[in-house]
């Protein structure tokens, strides 16, 4: 499994872009592919087993540390 650390949200994201949150405290999105995307701050798995490059432009709120990451 490949792991990528996401970028920190800059605060200059497009107006109206709402962060995705985990309703259950686990990964926000889980699939059956080859790549995990990690919170930039605490390395929590925010996107689990997704296809590399498929999740771009998402603002993600970490359920562990509450920091915002963005997928590019």
PDB file of N, CA and C in Angstrom:
ATOM      1  N   UNK A   1       0.853  -1.183   0.000  1.00  0.00           N
ATOM      2  CA  UNK A   1       0.000   0.000   0.000  1.00  0.00           C
ATOM      3  C   UNK A   1       0.890   1.234   0.000  1.00  0.00           C
ATOM      4  N   UNK A   2       0.651   2.118  -0.937  1.00  0.00           N
ATOM      5  CA  UNK A   2       1.365   3.386  -1.008  1.00  0.00           C
ATOM      6  C   UNK A   2       0.688   4.393  -0.095  1.00  0.00           C
ATOM      7  N   UNK A   3       1.474   5.213   0.604  1.00  0.00           N
ATOM      8  CA  UNK A   3       0.933   6.226   1.498  1.00  0.00           C
ATOM      9  C   UNK A   3       1.454   7.601   1.077  1.00  0.00           C
ATOM     10  N   UNK A   4       0.538   8.577   1.000  1.00  0.00           N
ATOM     11  CA  UNK A   4       0.885   9.954   0.663  1.00  0.00           C
ATOM     12  C   UNK A   4       0.369  10.877   1.744  1.00  0.00           C
ATOM     13  N   UNK A   5       1.217  11.800   2.182  1.00  0.00           N
ATOM     14  CA  UNK A   5       0.783  12.813   3.134  1.00  0.00           C
ATOM     15  C   UNK A   5       0.142  13.949   2.342  1.00  0.00           C
ATOM     16  N   UNK A   6      -1.067  14.349   2.749  1.00  0.00           N
ATOM     17  CA  UNK A   6      -1.774  15.438   2.088  1.00  0.00           C
ATOM     18  C   UNK A   6      -1.144  16.777   2.443  1.00  0.00           C
ATOM     19  N   UNK A   7      -1.499  17.813   1.706  1.00  0.00           N
ATOM     20  CA  UNK A   7      -1.035  19.171   1.979  1.00  0.00           C
ATOM     21  C   UNK A   7      -1.930  19.813   3.032  1.00  0.00           C
ATOM     22  N   UNK A   8      -1.369  20.750   3.774  1.00  0.00           N
ATOM     23  CA  UNK A   8      -2.153  21.543   4.717  1.00  0.00           C
ATOM     24  C   UNK A   8      -3.044  22.490   3.925  1.00  0.00           C
ATOM     25  N   UNK A   9      -4.283  22.667   4.377  1.00  0.00           N
ATOM     26  CA  UNK A   9      -5.160  23.658   3.757  1.00  0.00           C
ATOM     27  C   UNK A   9      -4.596  25.038   4.054  1.00  0.00           C
ATOM     28  N   UNK A  10      -4.628  25.915   3.069  1.00  0.00           N
ATOM     29  CA  UNK A  10      -3.985  27.224   3.199  1.00  0.00           C
ATOM     30  C   UNK A  10      -4.918  28.304   3.729  1.00  0.00           C
ATOM     31  N   UNK A  11      -6.216  28.032   3.732  1.00  0.00           N
ATOM     32  CA  UNK A  11      -7.173  29.061   4.088  1.00  0.00           C
ATOM     33  C   UNK A  11      -7.591  29.879   2.880  1.00  0.00           C
ATOM     34  N   UNK A  12      -7.017  29.586   1.713  1.00  0.00           N
ATOM     35  CA  UNK A  12      -7.349  30.303   0.481  1.00  0.00           C
ATOM     36  C   UNK A  12      -8.089  29.390  -0.500  1.00  0.00           C
ATOM     37  N   UNK A  13      -8.746  28.356   0.040  1.00  0.00           N
ATOM     38  CA  UNK A  13      -9.495  27.433  -0.801  1.00  0.00           C
ATOM     39  C   UNK A  13     -10.717  28.163  -1.375  1.00  0.00           C
ATOM     40  N   UNK A  14     -11.288  27.651  -2.473  1.00  0.00           N
ATOM     41  CA  UNK A  14     -12.441  28.308  -3.096  1.00  0.00           C
ATOM     42  C   UNK A  14     -13.586  28.545  -2.107  1.00  0.00           C
ATOM     43  N   UNK A  15     -14.242  29.672  -2.242  1.00  0.00           N
ATOM     44  CA  UNK A  15     -15.393  29.993  -1.399  1.00  0.00           C
ATOM     45  C   UNK A  15     -16.463  28.924  -1.595  1.00  0.00           C
ATOM     46  N   UNK A  16     -17.013  28.470  -0.507  1.00  0.00           N
ATOM     47  CA  UNK A  16     -18.067  27.464  -0.563  1.00  0.00           C
ATOM     48  C   UNK A  16     -17.565  26.035  -0.466  1.00  0.00           C
ATOM     49  N   UNK A  17     -16.256  25.836  -0.500  1.00  0.00           N
ATOM     50  CA  UNK A  17     -15.713  24.489  -0.377  1.00  0.00           C
ATOM     51  C   UNK A  17     -15.794  24.067   1.089  1.00  0.00           C
ATOM     52  N   UNK A  18     -16.688  23.148   1.379  1.00  0.00           N
ATOM     53  CA  UNK A  18     -16.883  22.675   2.748  1.00  0.00           C
ATOM     54  C   UNK A  18     -16.025  21.437   2.999  1.00  0.00           C
ATOM     55  N   UNK A  19     -15.426  21.342   4.183  1.00  0.00           N
ATOM     56  CA  UNK A  19     -14.612  20.163   4.462  1.00  0.00           C
ATOM     57  C   UNK A  19     -15.454  18.905   4.616  1.00  0.00           C
ATOM     58  N   UNK A  20     -14.936  17.809   4.089  1.00  0.00           N
ATOM     59  CA  UNK A  20     -15.556  16.511   4.307  1.00  0.00           C
ATOM     60  C   UNK A  20     -15.131  16.021   5.681  1.00  0.00           C
ATOM     61  N   UNK A  21     -16.067  15.407   6.397  1.00  0.00           N
ATOM     62  CA  UNK A  21     -15.798  14.916   7.750  1.00  0.00           C
ATOM     63  C   UNK A  21     -16.216  13.460   7.838  1.00  0.00           C
ATOM     64  N   UNK A  22     -15.561  12.736   8.709  1.00  0.00           N
ATOM     65  CA  UNK A  22     -15.920  11.345   8.948  1.00  0.00           C
ATOM     66  C   UNK A  22     -17.098  11.282   9.920  1.00  0.00           C
ATOM     67  N   UNK A  23     -18.178  10.590   9.540  1.00  0.00           N
ATOM     68  CA  UNK A  23     -19.315  10.485  10.450  1.00  0.00           C
ATOM     69  C   UNK A  23     -19.075   9.492  11.586  1.00  0.00           C
ATOM     70  N   UNK A  24     -18.023   8.693  11.476  1.00  0.00           N
ATOM     71  CA  UNK A  24     -17.807   7.615  12.443  1.00  0.00           C
ATOM     72  C   UNK A  24     -16.406   7.615  13.067  1.00  0.00           C
ATOM     73  N   UNK A  25     -15.600   8.612  12.759  1.00  0.00           N
ATOM     74  CA  UNK A  25     -14.267   8.702  13.356  1.00  0.00           C
ATOM     75  C   UNK A  25     -13.180   7.934  12.630  1.00  0.00           C
ATOM     76  N   UNK A  26     -13.532   7.235  11.559  1.00  0.00           N
ATOM     77  CA  UNK A  26     -12.552   6.500  10.764  1.00  0.00           C
ATOM     78  C   UNK A  26     -12.217   7.274   9.505  1.00  0.00           C
ATOM     79  N   UNK A  27     -11.651   6.600   8.489  1.00  0.00           N
ATOM     80  CA  UNK A  27     -11.357   7.264   7.228  1.00  0.00           C
ATOM     81  C   UNK A  27     -12.619   7.885   6.628  1.00  0.00           C
ATOM     82  N   UNK A  28     -12.451   9.020   5.963  1.00  0.00           N
ATOM     83  CA  UNK A  28     -13.579   9.718   5.363  1.00  0.00           C
ATOM     84  C   UNK A  28     -14.106   8.945   4.163  1.00  0.00           C
ATOM     85  N   UNK A  29     -13.195   8.409   3.372  1.00  0.00           N
ATOM     86  CA  UNK A  29     -13.544   7.579   2.218  1.00  0.00           C
ATOM     87  C   UNK A  29     -12.685   6.325   2.266  1.00  0.00           C
ATOM     88  N   UNK A  30     -13.303   5.170   2.034  1.00  0.00           N
ATOM     89  CA  UNK A  30     -12.573   3.904   1.974  1.00  0.00           C
ATOM     90  C   UNK A  30     -12.999   3.168   0.708  1.00  0.00           C
ATOM     91  N   UNK A  31     -12.033   2.570   0.034  1.00  0.00           N
ATOM     92  CA  UNK A  31     -12.293   1.852  -1.202  1.00  0.00           C
ATOM     93  C   UNK A  31     -11.447   0.582  -1.200  1.00  0.00           C
ATOM     94  N   UNK A  32     -11.163   0.068  -2.379  1.00  0.00           N
ATOM     95  CA  UNK A  32     -10.386  -1.172  -2.484  1.00  0.00           C
ATOM     96  C   UNK A  32      -9.271  -1.039  -3.515  1.00  0.00           C
ATOM     97  N   UNK A  33      -8.568   0.103  -3.485  1.00  0.00           N
ATOM     98  CA  UNK A  33      -7.495   0.314  -4.451  1.00  0.00           C
ATOM     99  C   UNK A  33      -6.135   0.300  -3.743  1.00  0.00           C
ATOM    100  N   UNK A  34      -5.195   1.144  -4.153  1.00  0.00           N
ATOM    101  CA  UNK A  34      -3.801   0.952  -3.757  1.00  0.00           C
ATOM    102  C   UNK A  34      -3.147   2.076  -2.955  1.00  0.00           C
ATOM    103  N   UNK A  35      -3.886   3.139  -2.606  1.00  0.00           N
ATOM    104  CA  UNK A  35      -3.217   4.291  -2.001  1.00  0.00           C
ATOM    105  C   UNK A  35      -3.984   4.817  -0.792  1.00  0.00           C
ATOM    106  N   UNK A  36      -3.256   5.091   0.286  1.00  0.00           N
ATOM    107  CA  UNK A  36      -3.802   5.766   1.463  1.00  0.00           C
ATOM    108  C   UNK A  36      -3.305   7.209   1.467  1.00  0.00           C
ATOM    109  N   UNK A  37      -4.183   8.143   1.813  1.00  0.00           N
ATOM    110  CA  UNK A  37      -3.819   9.552   1.945  1.00  0.00           C
ATOM    111  C   UNK A  37      -3.919   9.946   3.410  1.00  0.00           C
ATOM    112  N   UNK A  38      -2.855  10.558   3.927  1.00  0.00           N
ATOM    113  CA  UNK A  38      -2.724  10.834   5.351  1.00  0.00           C
ATOM    114  C   UNK A  38      -2.887  12.309   5.678  1.00  0.00           C
ATOM    115  N   UNK A  39      -3.407  12.590   6.868  1.00  0.00           N
ATOM    116  CA  UNK A  39      -3.478  13.952   7.387  1.00  0.00           C
ATOM    117  C   UNK A  39      -2.067  14.529   7.440  1.00  0.00           C
ATOM    118  N   UNK A  40      -1.922  15.764   7.000  1.00  0.00           N
ATOM    119  CA  UNK A  40      -0.600  16.398   6.986  1.00  0.00           C
ATOM    120  C   UNK A  40      -0.037  16.566   8.393  1.00  0.00           C
ATOM    121  N   UNK A  41      -0.889  16.656   9.400  1.00  0.00           N
ATOM    122  CA  UNK A  41      -0.454  16.975  10.757  1.00  0.00           C
ATOM    123  C   UNK A  41      -0.179  15.737  11.618  1.00  0.00           C
ATOM    124  N   UNK A  42      -1.090  14.758  11.599  1.00  0.00           N
ATOM    125  CA  UNK A  42      -0.959  13.618  12.536  1.00  0.00           C
ATOM    126  C   UNK A  42      -0.836  12.258  11.852  1.00  0.00           C
ATOM    127  N   UNK A  43      -0.823  12.218  10.530  1.00  0.00           N
ATOM    128  CA  UNK A  43      -0.691  10.986   9.750  1.00  0.00           C
ATOM    129  C   UNK A  43      -1.881  10.028   9.862  1.00  0.00           C
ATOM    130  N   UNK A  44      -3.026  10.509  10.319  1.00  0.00           N
ATOM    131  CA  UNK A  44      -4.245   9.695  10.337  1.00  0.00           C
ATOM    132  C   UNK A  44      -4.654   9.412   8.892  1.00  0.00           C
ATOM    133  N   UNK A  45      -5.127   8.198   8.610  1.00  0.00           N
ATOM    134  CA  UNK A  45      -5.560   7.838   7.253  1.00  0.00           C
ATOM    135  C   UNK A  45      -6.932   8.460   6.986  1.00  0.00           C
ATOM    136  N   UNK A  46      -6.957   9.476   6.121  1.00  0.00           N
ATOM    137  CA  UNK A  46      -8.211  10.152   5.777  1.00  0.00           C
ATOM    138  C   UNK A  46      -8.911   9.504   4.586  1.00  0.00           C
ATOM    139  N   UNK A  47      -8.141   9.089   3.597  1.00  0.00           N
ATOM    140  CA  UNK A  47      -8.660   8.400   2.420  1.00  0.00           C
ATOM    141  C   UNK A  47      -7.971   7.042   2.357  1.00  0.00           C
ATOM    142  N   UNK A  48      -8.711   5.968   2.518  1.00  0.00           N
ATOM    143  CA  UNK A  48      -8.125   4.626   2.631  1.00  0.00           C
ATOM    144  C   UNK A  48      -8.352   3.814   1.363  1.00  0.00           C
ATOM    145  N   UNK A  49      -7.270   3.282   0.854  1.00  0.00           N
ATOM    146  CA  UNK A  49      -7.306   2.362  -0.293  1.00  0.00           C
ATOM    147  C   UNK A  49      -8.034   2.943  -1.505  1.00  0.00           C
ATOM    148  N   UNK A  50      -7.723   4.185  -1.833  1.00  0.00           N
ATOM    149  CA  UNK A  50      -8.334   4.809  -3.008  1.00  0.00           C
ATOM    150  C   UNK A  50      -7.359   4.745  -4.187  1.00  0.00           C
ATOM    151  N   UNK A  51      -7.879   4.985  -5.368  1.00  0.00           N
ATOM    152  CA  UNK A  51      -7.031   4.970  -6.563  1.00  0.00           C
ATOM    153  C   UNK A  51      -6.155   6.215  -6.575  1.00  0.00           C
ATOM    154  N   UNK A  52      -4.883   6.049  -6.836  1.00  0.00           N
ATOM    155  CA  UNK A  52      -3.931   7.156  -6.851  1.00  0.00           C
ATOM    156  C   UNK A  52      -4.386   8.236  -7.821  1.00  0.00           C
ATOM    157  N   UNK A  53      -4.455   9.474  -7.320  1.00  0.00           N
ATOM    158  CA  UNK A  53      -4.806  10.614  -8.146  1.00  0.00           C
ATOM    159  C   UNK A  53      -6.296  10.809  -8.374  1.00  0.00           C
ATOM    160  N   UNK A  54      -7.134   9.916  -7.869  1.00  0.00           N
ATOM    161  CA  UNK A  54      -8.572  10.003  -8.136  1.00  0.00           C
ATOM    162  C   UNK A  54      -9.285  11.007  -7.242  1.00  0.00           C
ATOM    163  N   UNK A  55      -8.705  11.349  -6.125  1.00  0.00           N
ATOM    164  CA  UNK A  55      -9.362  12.223  -5.158  1.00  0.00           C
ATOM    165  C   UNK A  55      -8.644  13.570  -5.106  1.00  0.00           C
ATOM    166  N   UNK A  56      -8.938  14.446  -6.037  1.00  0.00           N
ATOM    167  CA  UNK A  56      -8.282  15.758  -6.095  1.00  0.00           C
ATOM    168  C   UNK A  56      -9.268  16.863  -5.740  1.00  0.00           C
ATOM    169  N   UNK A  57      -8.749  17.891  -5.069  1.00  0.00           N
ATOM    170  CA  UNK A  57      -9.565  19.054  -4.760  1.00  0.00           C
ATOM    171  C   UNK A  57     -10.517  18.875  -3.598  1.00  0.00           C
ATOM    172  N   UNK A  58     -10.224  17.915  -2.723  1.00  0.00           N
ATOM    173  CA  UNK A  58     -11.076  17.693  -1.558  1.00  0.00           C
ATOM    174  C   UNK A  58     -10.480  18.350  -0.326  1.00  0.00           C
ATOM    175  N   UNK A  59     -11.313  19.020   0.429  1.00  0.00           N
ATOM    176  CA  UNK A  59     -10.926  19.600   1.709  1.00  0.00           C
ATOM    177  C   UNK A  59     -11.395  18.611   2.768  1.00  0.00           C
ATOM    178  N   UNK A  60     -10.471  18.132   3.590  1.00  0.00           N
ATOM    179  CA  UNK A  60     -10.759  17.041   4.528  1.00  0.00           C
ATOM    180  C   UNK A  60     -10.441  17.453   5.955  1.00  0.00           C
ATOM    181  N   UNK A  61     -11.379  17.238   6.865  1.00  0.00           N
ATOM    182  CA  UNK A  61     -11.164  17.548   8.275  1.00  0.00           C
ATOM    183  C   UNK A  61     -10.811  16.256   9.006  1.00  0.00           C
ATOM    184  N   UNK A  62      -9.658  16.243   9.634  1.00  0.00           N
ATOM    185  CA  UNK A  62      -9.179  15.057  10.332  1.00  0.00           C
ATOM    186  C   UNK A  62      -9.992  14.826  11.610  1.00  0.00           C
ATOM    187  N   UNK A  63     -10.534  13.610  11.798  1.00  0.00           N
ATOM    188  CA  UNK A  63     -11.287  13.330  13.015  1.00  0.00           C
ATOM    189  C   UNK A  63     -10.404  13.198  14.259  1.00  0.00           C
ATOM    190  N   UNK A  64      -9.111  13.008  14.053  1.00  0.00           N
ATOM    191  CA  UNK A  64      -8.202  12.861  15.197  1.00  0.00           C
ATOM    192  C   UNK A  64      -7.716  14.216  15.722  1.00  0.00           C
ATOM    193  N   UNK A  65      -7.213  15.084  14.828  1.00  0.00           N
ATOM    194  CA  UNK A  65      -6.584  16.334  15.272  1.00  0.00           C
ATOM    195  C   UNK A  65      -7.345  17.600  14.859  1.00  0.00           C
ATOM    196  N   UNK A  66      -8.387  17.439  14.043  1.00  0.00           N
ATOM    197  CA  UNK A  66      -9.234  18.541  13.559  1.00  0.00           C
ATOM    198  C   UNK A  66      -8.552  19.515  12.609  1.00  0.00           C
ATOM    199  N   UNK A  67      -7.343  19.221  12.138  1.00  0.00           N
ATOM    200  CA  UNK A  67      -6.691  20.068  11.142  1.00  0.00           C
ATOM    201  C   UNK A  67      -7.316  19.791   9.763  1.00  0.00           C
ATOM    202  N   UNK A  68      -7.204  20.768   8.873  1.00  0.00           N
ATOM    203  CA  UNK A  68      -7.738  20.623   7.521  1.00  0.00           C
ATOM    204  C   UNK A  68      -6.603  20.313   6.536  1.00  0.00           C
ATOM    205  N   UNK A  69      -6.822  19.266   5.743  1.00  0.00           N
ATOM    206  CA  UNK A  69      -5.888  18.891   4.684  1.00  0.00           C
ATOM    207  C   UNK A  69      -6.609  19.045   3.358  1.00  0.00           C
ATOM    208  N   UNK A  70      -5.835  19.170   2.290  1.00  0.00           N
ATOM    209  CA  UNK A  70      -6.425  19.256   0.957  1.00  0.00           C
ATOM    210  C   UNK A  70      -5.713  18.286   0.033  1.00  0.00           C
ATOM    211  N   UNK A  71      -6.511  17.610  -0.801  1.00  0.00           N
ATOM    212  CA  UNK A  71      -5.924  16.687  -1.783  1.00  0.00           C
ATOM    213  C   UNK A  71      -5.738  17.435  -3.091  1.00  0.00           C
ATOM    214  N   UNK A  72      -4.540  17.341  -3.649  1.00  0.00           N
ATOM    215  CA  UNK A  72      -4.221  18.056  -4.897  1.00  0.00           C
ATOM    216  C   UNK A  72      -3.864  17.072  -5.991  1.00  0.00           C
TER     217      UNK A  72
END
